[in-house]
Every structure is written in C-alpha cells, then in structure tokens.
PDB file of N, CA and C in Angstrom:
ATOM      1  N   MET A   1      63.329  23.921 -22.606  1.00  0.00           N
ATOM      2  CA  MET A   1      62.143  23.969 -21.848  1.00  0.00           C
ATOM      3  C   MET A   1      62.488  23.896 -20.376  1.00  0.00           C
ATOM      4  N   ALA A   2      61.838  24.656 -19.539  1.00  0.00           N
ATOM      5  CA  ALA A   2      62.160  24.739 -18.130  1.00  0.00           C
ATOM      6  C   ALA A   2      61.504  23.503 -17.454  1.00  0.00           C
ATOM      7  N   VAL A   3      62.338  22.852 -16.654  1.00  0.00           N
ATOM      8  CA  VAL A   3      62.006  21.591 -15.973  1.00  0.00           C
ATOM      9  C   VAL A   3      62.376  21.802 -14.515  1.00  0.00           C
ATOM     10  N   PRO A   4      61.519  21.385 -13.562  1.00  0.00           N
ATOM     11  CA  PRO A   4      61.801  21.519 -12.075  1.00  0.00           C
ATOM     12  C   PRO A   4      63.090  20.679 -11.824  1.00  0.00           C
ATOM     13  N   LYS A   5      63.954  21.259 -11.066  1.00  0.00           N
ATOM     14  CA  LYS A   5      65.199  20.472 -10.612  1.00  0.00           C
ATOM     15  C   LYS A   5      64.958  19.465  -9.608  1.00  0.00           C
ATOM     16  N   ARG A   6      64.051  19.697  -8.719  1.00  0.00           N
ATOM     17  CA  ARG A   6      63.564  18.696  -7.647  1.00  0.00           C
ATOM     18  C   ARG A   6      62.090  18.561  -7.529  1.00  0.00           C
ATOM     19  N   LYS A   7      61.741  17.338  -7.044  1.00  0.00           N
ATOM     20  CA  LYS A   7      60.392  17.109  -6.794  1.00  0.00           C
ATOM     21  C   LYS A   7      59.749  17.999  -5.707  1.00  0.00           C
ATOM     22  N   GLN A   8      58.580  18.573  -5.915  1.00  0.00           N
ATOM     23  CA  GLN A   8      57.962  19.362  -4.878  1.00  0.00           C
ATOM     24  C   GLN A   8      57.482  18.470  -3.693  1.00  0.00           C
ATOM     25  N   SER A   9      57.640  18.823  -2.475  1.00  0.00           N
ATOM     26  CA  SER A   9      57.322  18.005  -1.313  1.00  0.00           C
ATOM     27  C   SER A   9      55.734  17.969  -1.214  1.00  0.00           C
ATOM     28  N   ASN A  10      55.270  16.984  -0.506  1.00  0.00           N
ATOM     29  CA  ASN A  10      53.817  16.863  -0.209  1.00  0.00           C
ATOM     30  C   ASN A  10      53.380  18.023   0.587  1.00  0.00           C
ATOM     31  N   SER A  11      54.272  18.489   1.450  1.00  0.00           N
ATOM     32  CA  SER A  11      53.891  19.612   2.325  1.00  0.00           C
ATOM     33  C   SER A  11      53.725  20.971   1.475  1.00  0.00           C
ATOM     34  N   ARG A  12      54.501  21.050   0.594  1.00  0.00           N
ATOM     35  CA  ARG A  12      54.470  22.337  -0.225  1.00  0.00           C
ATOM     36  C   ARG A  12      53.264  22.249  -1.073  1.00  0.00           C
ATOM     37  N   THR A  13      52.955  21.064  -1.747  1.00  0.00           N
ATOM     38  CA  THR A  13      51.778  20.818  -2.520  1.00  0.00           C
ATOM     39  C   THR A  13      50.536  21.085  -1.670  1.00  0.00           C
ATOM     40  N   GLY A  14      50.511  20.550  -0.451  1.00  0.00           N
ATOM     41  CA  GLY A  14      49.249  20.742   0.442  1.00  0.00           C
ATOM     42  C   GLY A  14      49.039  22.213   0.774  1.00  0.00           C
ATOM     43  N   LYS A  15      50.197  22.992   0.993  1.00  0.00           N
ATOM     44  CA  LYS A  15      50.076  24.439   1.333  1.00  0.00           C
ATOM     45  C   LYS A  15      49.441  25.162   0.169  1.00  0.00           C
ATOM     46  N   ARG A  16      49.818  24.819  -1.091  1.00  0.00           N
ATOM     47  CA  ARG A  16      49.233  25.504  -2.177  1.00  0.00           C
ATOM     48  C   ARG A  16      47.758  25.186  -2.418  1.00  0.00           C
ATOM     49  N   ARG A  17      47.403  23.904  -2.048  1.00  0.00           N
ATOM     50  CA  ARG A  17      45.978  23.472  -2.312  1.00  0.00           C
ATOM     51  C   ARG A  17      45.083  23.914  -1.047  1.00  0.00           C
ATOM     52  N   SER A  18      45.651  24.480  -0.122  1.00  0.00           N
ATOM     53  CA  SER A  18      44.885  24.706   1.152  1.00  0.00           C
ATOM     54  C   SER A  18      43.708  25.629   0.995  1.00  0.00           C
ATOM     55  N   HIS A  19      43.806  26.440  -0.075  1.00  0.00           N
ATOM     56  CA  HIS A  19      42.727  27.465  -0.339  1.00  0.00           C
ATOM     57  C   HIS A  19      41.724  27.017  -1.460  1.00  0.00           C
ATOM     58  N   ASP A  20      41.846  25.850  -1.885  1.00  0.00           N
ATOM     59  CA  ASP A  20      41.003  25.266  -2.906  1.00  0.00           C
ATOM     60  C   ASP A  20      39.696  24.660  -2.395  1.00  0.00           C
ATOM     61  N   HIS A  21      39.586  24.549  -1.098  1.00  0.00           N
ATOM     62  CA  HIS A  21      38.318  23.865  -0.601  1.00  0.00           C
ATOM     63  C   HIS A  21      37.118  24.571  -0.866  1.00  0.00           C
ATOM     64  N   LEU A  22      35.956  23.954  -0.823  1.00  0.00           N
ATOM     65  CA  LEU A  22      34.619  24.567  -1.052  1.00  0.00           C
ATOM     66  C   LEU A  22      34.161  25.187   0.282  1.00  0.00           C
ATOM     67  N   LYS A  23      33.515  26.323   0.208  1.00  0.00           N
ATOM     68  CA  LYS A  23      32.868  26.890   1.418  1.00  0.00           C
ATOM     69  C   LYS A  23      31.524  26.553   1.552  1.00  0.00           C
ATOM     70  N   PRO A  24      30.944  26.428   2.785  1.00  0.00           N
ATOM     71  CA  PRO A  24      29.514  26.058   2.900  1.00  0.00           C
ATOM     72  C   PRO A  24      28.612  27.209   2.411  1.00  0.00           C
ATOM     73  N   LYS A  25      27.496  26.929   1.881  1.00  0.00           N
ATOM     74  CA  LYS A  25      26.519  27.988   1.395  1.00  0.00           C
ATOM     75  C   LYS A  25      26.120  28.748   2.622  1.00  0.00           C
ATOM     76  N   GLN A  26      25.980  30.048   2.479  1.00  0.00           N
ATOM     77  CA  GLN A  26      25.452  31.005   3.576  1.00  0.00           C
ATOM     78  C   GLN A  26      24.003  30.952   3.393  1.00  0.00           C
ATOM     79  N   LEU A  27      23.287  30.427   4.488  1.00  0.00           N
ATOM     80  CA  LEU A  27      21.837  30.437   4.549  1.00  0.00           C
ATOM     81  C   LEU A  27      21.326  31.424   5.442  1.00  0.00           C
ATOM     82  N   GLN A  28      20.154  31.969   5.193  1.00  0.00           N
ATOM     83  CA  GLN A  28      19.454  32.895   6.130  1.00  0.00           C
ATOM     84  C   GLN A  28      18.015  32.442   6.329  1.00  0.00           C
ATOM     85  N   ALA A  29      17.347  32.750   7.308  1.00  0.00           N
ATOM     86  CA  ALA A  29      15.960  32.552   7.519  1.00  0.00           C
ATOM     87  C   ALA A  29      15.137  33.382   6.684  1.00  0.00           C
ATOM     88  N   CYS A  30      14.110  32.951   6.032  1.00  0.00           N
ATOM     89  CA  CYS A  30      13.180  33.723   5.207  1.00  0.00           C
ATOM     90  C   CYS A  30      12.311  34.479   6.225  1.00  0.00           C
ATOM     91  N   PRO A  31      12.252  35.858   6.070  1.00  0.00           N
ATOM     92  CA  PRO A  31      11.436  36.584   6.906  1.00  0.00           C
ATOM     93  C   PRO A  31       9.939  36.236   6.828  1.00  0.00           C
ATOM     94  N   GLN A  32       9.524  35.732   5.740  1.00  0.00           N
ATOM     95  CA  GLN A  32       8.066  35.391   5.473  1.00  0.00           C
ATOM     96  C   GLN A  32       7.673  34.095   6.208  1.00  0.00           C
ATOM     97  N   CYS A  33       8.426  32.976   5.842  1.00  0.00           N
ATOM     98  CA  CYS A  33       7.997  31.615   6.299  1.00  0.00           C
ATOM     99  C   CYS A  33       9.114  31.045   7.350  1.00  0.00           C
ATOM    100  N   GLY A  34      10.253  31.606   7.449  1.00  0.00           N
ATOM    101  CA  GLY A  34      11.243  31.116   8.457  1.00  0.00           C
ATOM    102  C   GLY A  34      12.111  29.974   7.893  1.00  0.00           C
ATOM    103  N   GLN A  35      11.849  29.539   6.735  1.00  0.00           N
ATOM    104  CA  GLN A  35      12.793  28.421   6.223  1.00  0.00           C
ATOM    105  C   GLN A  35      14.155  29.005   5.855  1.00  0.00           C
ATOM    106  N   ALA A  36      15.135  28.140   5.872  1.00  0.00           N
ATOM    107  CA  ALA A  36      16.548  28.544   5.519  1.00  0.00           C
ATOM    108  C   ALA A  36      16.575  28.612   3.982  1.00  0.00           C
ATOM    109  N   LYS A  37      17.208  29.660   3.477  1.00  0.00           N
ATOM    110  CA  LYS A  37      17.400  29.934   2.041  1.00  0.00           C
ATOM    111  C   LYS A  37      18.656  30.680   1.894  1.00  0.00           C
ATOM    112  N   PRO A  38      19.298  30.570   0.629  1.00  0.00           N
ATOM    113  CA  PRO A  38      20.369  31.437   0.248  1.00  0.00           C
ATOM    114  C   PRO A  38      20.095  32.912   0.181  1.00  0.00           C
ATOM    115  N   SER A  39      20.980  33.715   0.574  1.00  0.00           N
ATOM    116  CA  SER A  39      20.685  35.145   0.540  1.00  0.00           C
ATOM    117  C   SER A  39      20.597  35.609  -0.919  1.00  0.00           C
ATOM    118  N   HIS A  40      19.747  36.697  -1.169  1.00  0.00           N
ATOM    119  CA  HIS A  40      19.608  37.252  -2.595  1.00  0.00           C
ATOM    120  C   HIS A  40      18.968  36.218  -3.456  1.00  0.00           C
ATOM    121  N   VAL A  41      18.119  35.347  -2.933  1.00  0.00           N
ATOM    122  CA  VAL A  41      17.423  34.430  -3.804  1.00  0.00           C
ATOM    123  C   VAL A  41      16.069  34.298  -3.408  1.00  0.00           C
ATOM    124  N   VAL A  42      15.079  34.034  -4.395  1.00  0.00           N
ATOM    125  CA  VAL A  42      13.608  33.843  -4.093  1.00  0.00           C
ATOM    126  C   VAL A  42      13.522  32.632  -3.236  1.00  0.00           C
ATOM    127  N   CYS A  43      12.693  32.751  -2.131  1.00  0.00           N
ATOM    128  CA  CYS A  43      12.498  31.585  -1.275  1.00  0.00           C
ATOM    129  C   CYS A  43      11.873  30.463  -1.983  1.00  0.00           C
ATOM    130  N   PRO A  44      12.462  29.254  -1.973  1.00  0.00           N
ATOM    131  CA  PRO A  44      11.823  28.222  -2.785  1.00  0.00           C
ATOM    132  C   PRO A  44      10.499  27.582  -2.110  1.00  0.00           C
ATOM    133  N   THR A  45      10.231  28.003  -0.825  1.00  0.00           N
ATOM    134  CA  THR A  45       9.081  27.471  -0.169  1.00  0.00           C
ATOM    135  C   THR A  45       7.887  28.395  -0.343  1.00  0.00           C
ATOM    136  N   CYS A  46       8.012  29.706  -0.079  1.00  0.00           N
ATOM    137  CA  CYS A  46       6.868  30.612  -0.213  1.00  0.00           C
ATOM    138  C   CYS A  46       6.846  31.520  -1.439  1.00  0.00           C
ATOM    139  N   GLY A  47       8.027  31.630  -2.103  1.00  0.00           N
ATOM    140  CA  GLY A  47       8.059  32.456  -3.290  1.00  0.00           C
ATOM    141  C   GLY A  47       8.272  33.907  -3.068  1.00  0.00           C
ATOM    142  N   TYR A  48       8.579  34.279  -1.836  1.00  0.00           N
ATOM    143  CA  TYR A  48       8.816  35.733  -1.554  1.00  0.00           C
ATOM    144  C   TYR A  48      10.266  36.156  -1.737  1.00  0.00           C
ATOM    145  N   TYR A  49      10.392  37.433  -2.102  1.00  0.00           N
ATOM    146  CA  TYR A  49      11.733  37.962  -2.262  1.00  0.00           C
ATOM    147  C   TYR A  49      11.660  39.436  -1.929  1.00  0.00           C
ATOM    148  N   MET A  50      12.401  39.927  -1.006  1.00  0.00           N
ATOM    149  CA  MET A  50      12.394  41.303  -0.488  1.00  0.00           C
ATOM    150  C   MET A  50      11.023  41.817  -0.209  1.00  0.00           C
ATOM    151  N   ASP A  51      10.284  41.013   0.683  1.00  0.00           N
ATOM    152  CA  ASP A  51       9.029  41.322   1.251  1.00  0.00           C
ATOM    153  C   ASP A  51       7.891  41.394   0.275  1.00  0.00           C
ATOM    154  N   ARG A  52       7.978  40.763  -0.936  1.00  0.00           N
ATOM    155  CA  ARG A  52       6.861  40.719  -1.852  1.00  0.00           C
ATOM    156  C   ARG A  52       6.859  39.395  -2.607  1.00  0.00           C
ATOM    157  N   GLU A  53       5.694  39.007  -3.001  1.00  0.00           N
ATOM    158  CA  GLU A  53       5.561  37.649  -3.657  1.00  0.00           C
ATOM    159  C   GLU A  53       6.049  37.841  -5.042  1.00  0.00           C
ATOM    160  N   VAL A  54       7.034  37.079  -5.407  1.00  0.00           N
ATOM    161  CA  VAL A  54       7.554  37.137  -6.786  1.00  0.00           C
ATOM    162  C   VAL A  54       7.059  35.826  -7.595  1.00  0.00           C
ATOM    163  N   VAL A  55       6.973  34.729  -6.979  1.00  0.00           N
ATOM    164  CA  VAL A  55       6.567  33.521  -7.612  1.00  0.00           C
ATOM    165  C   VAL A  55       5.258  33.044  -6.904  1.00  0.00           C
ATOM    166  N   ASP A  56       4.186  32.733  -7.608  1.00  0.00           N
ATOM    167  CA  ASP A  56       3.058  32.205  -7.057  1.00  0.00           C
ATOM    168  C   ASP A  56       3.136  30.776  -6.768  1.00  0.00           C
ATOM    169  N   MET A  57       3.159  30.419  -5.418  1.00  0.00           N
ATOM    170  CA  MET A  57       3.377  29.058  -5.033  1.00  0.00           C
ATOM    171  C   MET A  57       2.084  28.366  -4.606  1.00  0.00           C
ATOM    172  N   SER A  58       0.925  28.923  -4.923  1.00  0.00           N
ATOM    173  CA  SER A  58      -0.369  28.403  -4.453  1.00  0.00           C
ATOM    174  C   SER A  58      -0.885  27.168  -5.281  1.00  0.00           C
ATOM    175  N   LYS A  59      -0.043  26.720  -6.279  1.00  0.00           N
ATOM    176  CA  LYS A  59      -0.374  25.665  -7.156  1.00  0.00           C
ATOM    177  C   LYS A  59      -0.346  24.340  -6.454  1.00  0.00           C
TER     178      LYS A  59
END
C-alpha cells in the first residue's frame, strides 16, 4: 500500500484548501419591489418573477 514518505506541511495543506471557501450569495434588486433577492428566483417579498406575478402574496 502506498504511504506518504513525509508529512505534508501546513503551507501545502493550506494551499490545497484555499479554494474550498464558500462564496457569498449573489443578490439583485427586484425590479418590482426593490428588495434584494437571489437571481433566477421568485421574489419572496412580492411574488414576482420575470415581470409577472407567479405567487399570490396578498394573503
């Protein structure tokens, strides 16, 4: 079985893990109500998506 000959340094481990971080969500202003919402998602405040009402939020 293959076994590493030497311990990997903390620097090398950190370099490998440098791309594992989470990216912040990309938010856009809703054109209908102006609230921040993720792109390509129905607005949770007004229920509009692509300039038409998809979910009735009048309840």
